[in-house]
Amino acid sequence: MKKEKKDEQFLKKPFYKDGDAALRAFIASELKYPESARSLGISGSVPLRYDINHKGEVVQVHLISSLHPDCDAEAIRVVKLLRFEVPKTPRNLRVIFHKNIRIHFHLNAVPQVDFPPAGQVGELQIQYNYLPSIKTDPTPEMPAPQGGYSYTLNIGPANN
């Protein structure tokens, strides 16, 4: 009869119930881009360090570096909503776990699309344009970049 193999870790780390993909999906669904940061065109990441108690609740959030005060406040608000699964610890120890996370704020280049209600057939048109950005003032030796590209997708009933 074989001996049971002992766990290599004395304390097991907390984990998000359905994995990292579910964690990212939850953050994406709860995160609201602050209008003040959107109007200023601010995008980037907010790195945070947070503490998880023995019940799996986020009890304290520390800002590592700031992006914009409203983005920082929104990132902290969303991280405080997280709940984790904490495996049982030996002798019912009440341990505080520390984790780091980066909350990303990016201005969306993808247009919002409204689909027709179910059962109705309509035509949907999506248009996406890309133009290269000008990083410096154009000079006679180096003119402004030309070109870019454009896509137009028409989705609807087939016309025969």
N, C-alpha and C. Protein backbone atom coordinates (compact mmCIF):
# COMPACT_ATOMS: atom_id res chain seq x y z
N MET A 1 0.84 -1.17 0.00
CA MET A 1 0.00 0.00 0.00
C MET A 1 0.89 1.24 0.00
N LYS A 2 0.58 2.18 -0.92
CA LYS A 2 1.40 3.37 -1.05
C LYS A 2 0.99 4.43 -0.04
N LYS A 3 1.99 5.21 0.37
CA LYS A 3 1.71 6.34 1.25
C LYS A 3 1.08 7.46 0.45
N GLU A 4 0.23 8.23 1.11
CA GLU A 4 -0.33 9.41 0.45
C GLU A 4 0.76 10.45 0.30
N LYS A 5 0.78 11.09 -0.85
CA LYS A 5 1.77 12.12 -1.09
C LYS A 5 1.34 13.41 -0.40
N LYS A 6 2.27 13.98 0.36
CA LYS A 6 1.98 15.22 1.06
C LYS A 6 2.00 16.39 0.08
N ASP A 7 1.19 17.38 0.36
CA ASP A 7 1.21 18.59 -0.46
C ASP A 7 2.54 19.30 -0.26
N GLU A 8 3.04 19.86 -1.36
CA GLU A 8 4.32 20.55 -1.28
C GLU A 8 4.19 21.92 -0.63
N GLN A 9 3.01 22.50 -0.72
CA GLN A 9 2.82 23.83 -0.13
C GLN A 9 2.01 23.70 1.15
N PHE A 10 2.49 24.38 2.18
CA PHE A 10 1.79 24.38 3.45
C PHE A 10 0.52 25.22 3.34
N LEU A 11 0.65 26.39 2.73
CA LEU A 11 -0.50 27.27 2.52
C LEU A 11 -0.83 27.29 1.03
N LYS A 12 -2.07 27.11 0.74
CA LYS A 12 -2.50 27.15 -0.66
C LYS A 12 -3.01 28.54 -0.99
N LYS A 13 -2.65 29.02 -2.18
CA LYS A 13 -2.99 30.38 -2.58
C LYS A 13 -4.45 30.47 -3.02
N PRO A 14 -5.06 31.63 -2.81
CA PRO A 14 -6.44 31.81 -3.28
C PRO A 14 -6.47 31.89 -4.80
N PHE A 15 -7.61 31.55 -5.38
CA PHE A 15 -7.76 31.57 -6.83
C PHE A 15 -9.17 32.05 -7.16
N TYR A 16 -9.30 32.61 -8.36
CA TYR A 16 -10.62 33.05 -8.83
C TYR A 16 -11.38 31.81 -9.27
N LYS A 17 -12.65 31.73 -8.94
CA LYS A 17 -13.42 30.50 -9.07
C LYS A 17 -13.35 29.84 -10.45
N ASP A 18 -13.55 30.59 -11.53
CA ASP A 18 -13.58 29.98 -12.85
C ASP A 18 -12.32 30.24 -13.66
N GLY A 19 -11.25 30.68 -13.03
CA GLY A 19 -9.99 30.85 -13.72
C GLY A 19 -9.70 32.29 -14.14
N ASP A 20 -8.54 32.47 -14.76
CA ASP A 20 -8.09 33.80 -15.15
C ASP A 20 -8.96 34.42 -16.24
N ALA A 21 -9.46 33.61 -17.15
CA ALA A 21 -10.32 34.14 -18.21
C ALA A 21 -11.60 34.73 -17.62
N ALA A 22 -12.17 34.06 -16.64
CA ALA A 22 -13.37 34.56 -15.98
C ALA A 22 -13.06 35.83 -15.18
N LEU A 23 -11.87 35.89 -14.58
CA LEU A 23 -11.46 37.08 -13.85
C LEU A 23 -11.38 38.28 -14.80
N ARG A 24 -10.74 38.07 -15.95
CA ARG A 24 -10.64 39.16 -16.94
C ARG A 24 -12.02 39.56 -17.46
N ALA A 25 -12.90 38.60 -17.67
CA ALA A 25 -14.26 38.90 -18.15
C ALA A 25 -15.04 39.69 -17.10
N PHE A 26 -14.89 39.34 -15.82
CA PHE A 26 -15.57 40.07 -14.76
C PHE A 26 -15.08 41.51 -14.70
N ILE A 27 -13.77 41.70 -14.77
CA ILE A 27 -13.21 43.05 -14.72
C ILE A 27 -13.70 43.85 -15.92
N ALA A 28 -13.70 43.25 -17.10
CA ALA A 28 -14.15 43.96 -18.31
C ALA A 28 -15.61 44.35 -18.20
N SER A 29 -16.44 43.50 -17.59
CA SER A 29 -17.86 43.80 -17.49
C SER A 29 -18.14 44.89 -16.44
N GLU A 30 -17.35 44.96 -15.41
CA GLU A 30 -17.58 45.93 -14.33
C GLU A 30 -16.88 47.27 -14.54
N LEU A 31 -15.81 47.28 -15.33
CA LEU A 31 -15.00 48.48 -15.49
C LEU A 31 -15.71 49.52 -16.34
N LYS A 32 -15.79 50.72 -15.85
CA LYS A 32 -16.38 51.84 -16.59
C LYS A 32 -15.28 52.87 -16.82
N TYR A 33 -15.04 53.19 -18.08
CA TYR A 33 -13.99 54.16 -18.43
C TYR A 33 -14.43 55.53 -17.93
N PRO A 34 -13.67 56.21 -17.06
CA PRO A 34 -14.06 57.53 -16.56
C PRO A 34 -14.17 58.54 -17.71
N GLU A 35 -15.25 59.29 -17.72
CA GLU A 35 -15.50 60.25 -18.80
C GLU A 35 -14.42 61.34 -18.84
N SER A 36 -13.93 61.74 -17.67
CA SER A 36 -12.89 62.78 -17.64
C SER A 36 -11.60 62.29 -18.31
N ALA A 37 -11.25 61.03 -18.10
CA ALA A 37 -10.05 60.46 -18.72
C ALA A 37 -10.28 60.24 -20.21
N ARG A 38 -11.50 59.85 -20.58
CA ARG A 38 -11.82 59.63 -21.99
C ARG A 38 -11.73 60.94 -22.77
N SER A 39 -12.25 62.03 -22.18
CA SER A 39 -12.22 63.32 -22.87
C SER A 39 -10.80 63.85 -23.04
N LEU A 40 -9.90 63.47 -22.13
CA LEU A 40 -8.50 63.88 -22.24
C LEU A 40 -7.68 62.92 -23.11
N GLY A 41 -8.29 61.81 -23.51
CA GLY A 41 -7.60 60.82 -24.34
C GLY A 41 -6.57 60.01 -23.58
N ILE A 42 -6.77 59.84 -22.28
CA ILE A 42 -5.82 59.11 -21.44
C ILE A 42 -6.09 57.61 -21.55
N SER A 43 -5.03 56.85 -21.80
CA SER A 43 -5.13 55.40 -21.79
C SER A 43 -3.84 54.85 -21.18
N GLY A 44 -3.93 53.66 -20.63
CA GLY A 44 -2.77 53.05 -20.00
C GLY A 44 -3.22 52.01 -18.98
N SER A 45 -2.33 51.67 -18.07
CA SER A 45 -2.60 50.65 -17.06
C SER A 45 -2.41 51.21 -15.67
N VAL A 46 -3.20 50.69 -14.74
CA VAL A 46 -3.08 51.05 -13.33
C VAL A 46 -2.62 49.81 -12.58
N PRO A 47 -1.35 49.76 -12.13
CA PRO A 47 -0.89 48.61 -11.35
C PRO A 47 -1.34 48.74 -9.88
N LEU A 48 -1.88 47.65 -9.35
CA LEU A 48 -2.38 47.63 -7.97
C LEU A 48 -1.84 46.42 -7.23
N ARG A 49 -1.75 46.55 -5.91
CA ARG A 49 -1.43 45.43 -5.03
C ARG A 49 -2.60 45.32 -4.06
N TYR A 50 -3.18 44.12 -3.95
CA TYR A 50 -4.34 43.98 -3.08
C TYR A 50 -4.16 42.80 -2.13
N ASP A 51 -4.88 42.88 -1.01
CA ASP A 51 -4.80 41.87 0.04
C ASP A 51 -6.11 41.09 0.08
N ILE A 52 -5.99 39.76 0.19
CA ILE A 52 -7.15 38.87 0.25
C ILE A 52 -7.15 38.22 1.63
N ASN A 53 -8.28 38.31 2.33
CA ASN A 53 -8.35 37.71 3.66
C ASN A 53 -8.68 36.23 3.57
N HIS A 54 -8.85 35.57 4.72
CA HIS A 54 -9.08 34.13 4.76
C HIS A 54 -10.45 33.74 4.21
N LYS A 55 -11.35 34.69 4.03
CA LYS A 55 -12.67 34.41 3.46
C LYS A 55 -12.69 34.60 1.94
N GLY A 56 -11.63 35.12 1.35
CA GLY A 56 -11.57 35.33 -0.09
C GLY A 56 -11.99 36.72 -0.50
N GLU A 57 -12.16 37.62 0.45
CA GLU A 57 -12.57 38.99 0.16
C GLU A 57 -11.34 39.88 0.02
N VAL A 58 -11.43 40.86 -0.89
CA VAL A 58 -10.35 41.84 -1.03
C VAL A 58 -10.57 42.88 0.07
N VAL A 59 -9.61 42.98 0.98
CA VAL A 59 -9.78 43.87 2.13
C VAL A 59 -9.04 45.19 2.00
N GLN A 60 -7.97 45.22 1.22
CA GLN A 60 -7.22 46.45 1.07
C GLN A 60 -6.56 46.49 -0.30
N VAL A 61 -6.58 47.68 -0.92
CA VAL A 61 -5.99 47.85 -2.25
C VAL A 61 -4.99 48.99 -2.17
N HIS A 62 -3.78 48.75 -2.69
CA HIS A 62 -2.72 49.76 -2.71
C HIS A 62 -2.40 50.13 -4.15
N LEU A 63 -2.34 51.41 -4.41
CA LEU A 63 -1.99 51.90 -5.74
C LEU A 63 -0.47 51.91 -5.87
N ILE A 64 0.06 51.24 -6.90
CA ILE A 64 1.51 51.21 -7.10
C ILE A 64 1.96 52.45 -7.86
N SER A 65 1.29 52.77 -8.97
CA SER A 65 1.58 54.01 -9.68
C SER A 65 0.29 54.52 -10.30
N SER A 66 0.19 55.83 -10.42
CA SER A 66 -1.05 56.46 -10.84
C SER A 66 -1.07 56.71 -12.35
N LEU A 67 -2.25 56.60 -12.94
CA LEU A 67 -2.47 56.94 -14.34
C LEU A 67 -3.23 58.26 -14.42
N HIS A 68 -4.37 58.33 -13.77
CA HIS A 68 -5.23 59.51 -13.69
C HIS A 68 -6.08 59.28 -12.45
N PRO A 69 -6.36 60.30 -11.65
CA PRO A 69 -7.11 60.07 -10.40
C PRO A 69 -8.43 59.32 -10.59
N ASP A 70 -9.17 59.62 -11.65
CA ASP A 70 -10.44 58.93 -11.87
C ASP A 70 -10.23 57.48 -12.30
N CYS A 71 -9.21 57.22 -13.11
CA CYS A 71 -8.90 55.85 -13.51
C CYS A 71 -8.44 55.04 -12.30
N ASP A 72 -7.63 55.66 -11.44
CA ASP A 72 -7.16 54.99 -10.24
C ASP A 72 -8.33 54.59 -9.34
N ALA A 73 -9.27 55.53 -9.14
CA ALA A 73 -10.43 55.26 -8.28
C ALA A 73 -11.30 54.15 -8.87
N GLU A 74 -11.49 54.15 -10.18
CA GLU A 74 -12.30 53.11 -10.83
C GLU A 74 -11.63 51.75 -10.73
N ALA A 75 -10.31 51.69 -10.92
CA ALA A 75 -9.59 50.42 -10.81
C ALA A 75 -9.68 49.87 -9.39
N ILE A 76 -9.54 50.73 -8.41
CA ILE A 76 -9.65 50.29 -7.00
C ILE A 76 -11.06 49.78 -6.72
N ARG A 77 -12.08 50.48 -7.23
CA ARG A 77 -13.47 50.07 -7.01
C ARG A 77 -13.71 48.67 -7.58
N VAL A 78 -13.22 48.40 -8.79
CA VAL A 78 -13.45 47.10 -9.43
C VAL A 78 -12.71 46.00 -8.69
N VAL A 79 -11.48 46.25 -8.27
CA VAL A 79 -10.71 45.22 -7.57
C VAL A 79 -11.36 44.87 -6.23
N LYS A 80 -11.96 45.85 -5.57
CA LYS A 80 -12.64 45.57 -4.29
C LYS A 80 -13.87 44.68 -4.47
N LEU A 81 -14.40 44.58 -5.69
CA LEU A 81 -15.56 43.72 -5.96
C LEU A 81 -15.18 42.25 -6.12
N LEU A 82 -13.90 41.95 -6.32
CA LEU A 82 -13.46 40.58 -6.58
C LEU A 82 -13.65 39.69 -5.36
N ARG A 83 -14.01 38.43 -5.61
CA ARG A 83 -14.13 37.42 -4.56
C ARG A 83 -13.35 36.18 -5.01
N PHE A 84 -12.57 35.63 -4.12
CA PHE A 84 -11.70 34.50 -4.45
C PHE A 84 -12.08 33.28 -3.62
N GLU A 85 -11.70 32.11 -4.12
CA GLU A 85 -11.84 30.85 -3.38
C GLU A 85 -10.52 30.63 -2.64
N VAL A 86 -10.63 30.36 -1.34
CA VAL A 86 -9.43 30.10 -0.54
C VAL A 86 -9.50 28.67 -0.02
N PRO A 87 -8.56 27.81 -0.42
CA PRO A 87 -8.56 26.44 0.11
C PRO A 87 -8.35 26.45 1.62
N LYS A 88 -8.82 25.39 2.26
CA LYS A 88 -8.67 25.30 3.72
C LYS A 88 -7.20 25.32 4.10
N THR A 89 -6.92 26.01 5.18
CA THR A 89 -5.55 26.06 5.68
C THR A 89 -5.45 25.17 6.92
N PRO A 90 -4.28 24.63 7.17
CA PRO A 90 -4.12 23.78 8.36
C PRO A 90 -4.36 24.58 9.63
N ARG A 91 -5.02 23.96 10.57
CA ARG A 91 -5.28 24.54 11.89
C ARG A 91 -6.05 25.85 11.82
N ASN A 92 -6.83 26.04 10.76
CA ASN A 92 -7.68 27.22 10.60
C ASN A 92 -6.92 28.53 10.76
N LEU A 93 -5.75 28.58 10.18
CA LEU A 93 -4.97 29.82 10.20
C LEU A 93 -5.70 30.89 9.39
N ARG A 94 -5.66 32.12 9.86
CA ARG A 94 -6.24 33.25 9.14
C ARG A 94 -5.11 34.03 8.50
N VAL A 95 -4.90 33.75 7.24
CA VAL A 95 -3.76 34.30 6.52
C VAL A 95 -4.24 35.37 5.55
N ILE A 96 -3.45 36.44 5.42
CA ILE A 96 -3.70 37.48 4.43
C ILE A 96 -2.78 37.20 3.24
N PHE A 97 -3.36 37.11 2.06
CA PHE A 97 -2.59 36.87 0.85
C PHE A 97 -2.46 38.19 0.08
N HIS A 98 -1.33 38.37 -0.59
CA HIS A 98 -1.07 39.58 -1.37
C HIS A 98 -0.94 39.20 -2.85
N LYS A 99 -1.60 39.97 -3.70
CA LYS A 99 -1.50 39.75 -5.15
C LYS A 99 -1.36 41.08 -5.86
N ASN A 100 -0.81 41.03 -7.06
CA ASN A 100 -0.69 42.22 -7.91
C ASN A 100 -1.57 42.03 -9.14
N ILE A 101 -2.05 43.15 -9.67
CA ILE A 101 -2.87 43.12 -10.87
C ILE A 101 -2.68 44.43 -11.61
N ARG A 102 -2.88 44.40 -12.92
CA ARG A 102 -2.85 45.61 -13.75
C ARG A 102 -4.22 45.75 -14.39
N ILE A 103 -4.85 46.89 -14.17
CA ILE A 103 -6.14 47.19 -14.79
C ILE A 103 -5.85 48.10 -15.98
N HIS A 104 -6.29 47.68 -17.17
CA HIS A 104 -5.98 48.39 -18.41
C HIS A 104 -7.14 49.29 -18.82
N PHE A 105 -6.80 50.53 -19.15
CA PHE A 105 -7.75 51.49 -19.69
C PHE A 105 -7.28 51.85 -21.09
N HIS A 106 -8.02 51.42 -22.10
CA HIS A 106 -7.67 51.71 -23.48
C HIS A 106 -8.89 52.26 -24.19
N LEU A 107 -8.67 53.33 -24.95
CA LEU A 107 -9.76 53.88 -25.75
C LEU A 107 -10.08 52.89 -26.85
N ASN A 108 -11.34 52.58 -27.02
CA ASN A 108 -11.75 51.57 -28.00
C ASN A 108 -11.72 52.15 -29.41
N ALA A 109 -11.12 51.41 -30.33
CA ALA A 109 -11.14 51.78 -31.74
C ALA A 109 -12.22 51.00 -32.47
N VAL A 110 -12.83 50.04 -31.77
CA VAL A 110 -13.86 49.20 -32.37
C VAL A 110 -15.21 49.89 -32.21
N PRO A 111 -15.96 50.08 -33.30
CA PRO A 111 -17.24 50.75 -33.18
C PRO A 111 -18.28 49.88 -32.47
N GLN A 112 -19.22 50.53 -31.79
CA GLN A 112 -20.33 49.81 -31.16
C GLN A 112 -21.34 49.47 -32.24
N VAL A 113 -21.85 48.27 -32.23
CA VAL A 113 -22.77 47.82 -33.26
C VAL A 113 -24.07 47.38 -32.60
N ASP A 114 -25.20 47.89 -33.09
CA ASP A 114 -26.50 47.46 -32.62
C ASP A 114 -27.07 46.48 -33.64
N PHE A 115 -27.42 45.29 -33.19
CA PHE A 115 -27.98 44.29 -34.08
C PHE A 115 -29.49 44.41 -34.07
N PRO A 116 -30.14 44.07 -35.19
CA PRO A 116 -31.60 44.13 -35.21
C PRO A 116 -32.18 43.10 -34.25
N PRO A 117 -33.38 43.34 -33.73
CA PRO A 117 -34.00 42.38 -32.82
C PRO A 117 -34.15 41.01 -33.48
N ALA A 118 -34.21 39.97 -32.65
CA ALA A 118 -34.32 38.61 -33.16
C ALA A 118 -35.59 38.47 -34.00
N GLY A 119 -35.47 37.78 -35.10
CA GLY A 119 -36.61 37.56 -35.96
C GLY A 119 -36.71 38.58 -37.08
N GLN A 120 -36.07 39.71 -36.95
CA GLN A 120 -36.10 40.72 -38.00
C GLN A 120 -34.82 40.61 -38.81
N VAL A 121 -34.99 40.67 -40.11
CA VAL A 121 -33.83 40.59 -40.99
C VAL A 121 -33.57 41.99 -41.51
N GLY A 122 -32.40 42.47 -41.28
CA GLY A 122 -32.04 43.79 -41.75
C GLY A 122 -30.62 43.78 -42.24
N GLU A 123 -30.18 44.91 -42.77
CA GLU A 123 -28.82 44.99 -43.24
C GLU A 123 -28.01 45.76 -42.22
N LEU A 124 -26.84 45.29 -41.96
CA LEU A 124 -25.94 45.89 -40.99
C LEU A 124 -24.68 46.31 -41.73
N GLN A 125 -24.26 47.54 -41.50
CA GLN A 125 -23.04 48.02 -42.15
C GLN A 125 -22.07 48.48 -41.08
N ILE A 126 -20.85 47.96 -41.16
CA ILE A 126 -19.79 48.33 -40.23
C ILE A 126 -18.68 48.96 -41.05
N GLN A 127 -18.22 50.12 -40.61
CA GLN A 127 -17.14 50.77 -41.33
C GLN A 127 -16.01 51.06 -40.34
N TYR A 128 -14.78 50.73 -40.75
CA TYR A 128 -13.60 50.91 -39.92
C TYR A 128 -12.55 51.61 -40.76
N ASN A 129 -12.04 52.73 -40.28
CA ASN A 129 -11.01 53.48 -41.01
C ASN A 129 -9.76 53.58 -40.14
N TYR A 130 -8.61 53.44 -40.77
CA TYR A 130 -7.34 53.61 -40.07
C TYR A 130 -6.50 54.61 -40.85
N LEU A 131 -6.06 55.65 -40.15
CA LEU A 131 -5.14 56.62 -40.74
C LEU A 131 -3.91 56.68 -39.85
N PRO A 132 -2.71 56.68 -40.41
CA PRO A 132 -1.51 56.74 -39.57
C PRO A 132 -1.43 58.07 -38.84
N SER A 133 -0.95 58.02 -37.61
CA SER A 133 -0.84 59.25 -36.82
C SER A 133 0.42 60.01 -37.22
N ILE A 134 0.36 61.32 -37.07
CA ILE A 134 1.50 62.18 -37.39
C ILE A 134 2.20 62.48 -36.07
N LYS A 135 3.43 62.00 -35.90
CA LYS A 135 4.15 62.19 -34.65
C LYS A 135 4.93 63.50 -34.64
N THR A 136 5.31 64.01 -35.80
CA THR A 136 6.04 65.26 -35.88
C THR A 136 5.39 66.14 -36.94
N ASP A 137 5.74 67.40 -36.94
CA ASP A 137 5.24 68.30 -37.96
C ASP A 137 5.87 67.95 -39.30
N PRO A 138 5.05 67.90 -40.37
CA PRO A 138 5.63 67.58 -41.67
C PRO A 138 6.54 68.70 -42.16
N THR A 139 7.62 68.32 -42.78
CA THR A 139 8.57 69.28 -43.35
C THR A 139 8.70 68.97 -44.83
N PRO A 140 9.29 69.90 -45.62
CA PRO A 140 9.45 69.60 -47.05
C PRO A 140 10.28 68.34 -47.29
N GLU A 141 11.27 68.06 -46.41
CA GLU A 141 12.08 66.86 -46.59
C GLU A 141 11.30 65.61 -46.21
N MET A 142 10.39 65.74 -45.22
CA MET A 142 9.65 64.58 -44.74
C MET A 142 8.16 64.94 -44.73
N PRO A 143 7.43 64.66 -45.80
CA PRO A 143 6.02 65.02 -45.86
C PRO A 143 5.18 64.16 -44.90
N ALA A 144 3.96 64.60 -44.68
CA ALA A 144 3.03 63.87 -43.81
C ALA A 144 2.72 62.50 -44.43
N PRO A 145 2.53 61.48 -43.59
CA PRO A 145 2.25 60.15 -44.14
C PRO A 145 0.92 60.14 -44.87
N GLN A 146 0.88 59.42 -45.95
CA GLN A 146 -0.32 59.29 -46.76
C GLN A 146 -0.85 57.87 -46.62
N GLY A 147 -2.09 57.70 -46.94
CA GLY A 147 -2.62 56.34 -47.01
C GLY A 147 -3.42 55.96 -45.80
N GLY A 148 -3.25 54.75 -45.39
CA GLY A 148 -4.10 54.14 -44.38
C GLY A 148 -4.95 53.10 -45.09
N TYR A 149 -6.00 52.65 -44.43
CA TYR A 149 -6.88 51.70 -45.08
C TYR A 149 -8.27 51.82 -44.49
N SER A 150 -9.22 51.27 -45.20
CA SER A 150 -10.62 51.35 -44.80
C SER A 150 -11.31 50.03 -45.12
N TYR A 151 -12.17 49.58 -44.22
CA TYR A 151 -12.96 48.38 -44.43
C TYR A 151 -14.43 48.74 -44.31
N THR A 152 -15.26 48.17 -45.13
CA THR A 152 -16.70 48.30 -45.00
C THR A 152 -17.29 46.91 -45.14
N LEU A 153 -18.05 46.48 -44.14
CA LEU A 153 -18.67 45.17 -44.15
C LEU A 153 -20.18 45.36 -44.23
N ASN A 154 -20.82 44.73 -45.18
CA ASN A 154 -22.27 44.75 -45.29
C ASN A 154 -22.78 43.36 -44.95
N ILE A 155 -23.62 43.28 -43.93
CA ILE A 155 -24.17 42.00 -43.50
C ILE A 155 -25.68 42.11 -43.61
N GLY A 156 -26.28 41.23 -44.33
CA GLY A 156 -27.73 41.28 -44.48
C GLY A 156 -28.20 40.19 -45.40
N PRO A 157 -29.46 40.27 -45.81
CA PRO A 157 -30.00 39.24 -46.69
C PRO A 157 -29.34 39.29 -48.06
N ALA A 158 -29.20 38.14 -48.67
CA ALA A 158 -28.57 38.06 -49.99
C ALA A 158 -29.57 38.55 -51.03
N ASN A 159 -29.12 39.45 -51.88
CA ASN A 159 -29.97 39.96 -52.96
C ASN A 159 -29.71 39.15 -54.21
N ASN A 160 -30.71 38.46 -54.70
CA ASN A 160 -30.54 37.63 -55.89
C ASN A 160 -31.07 38.34 -57.10
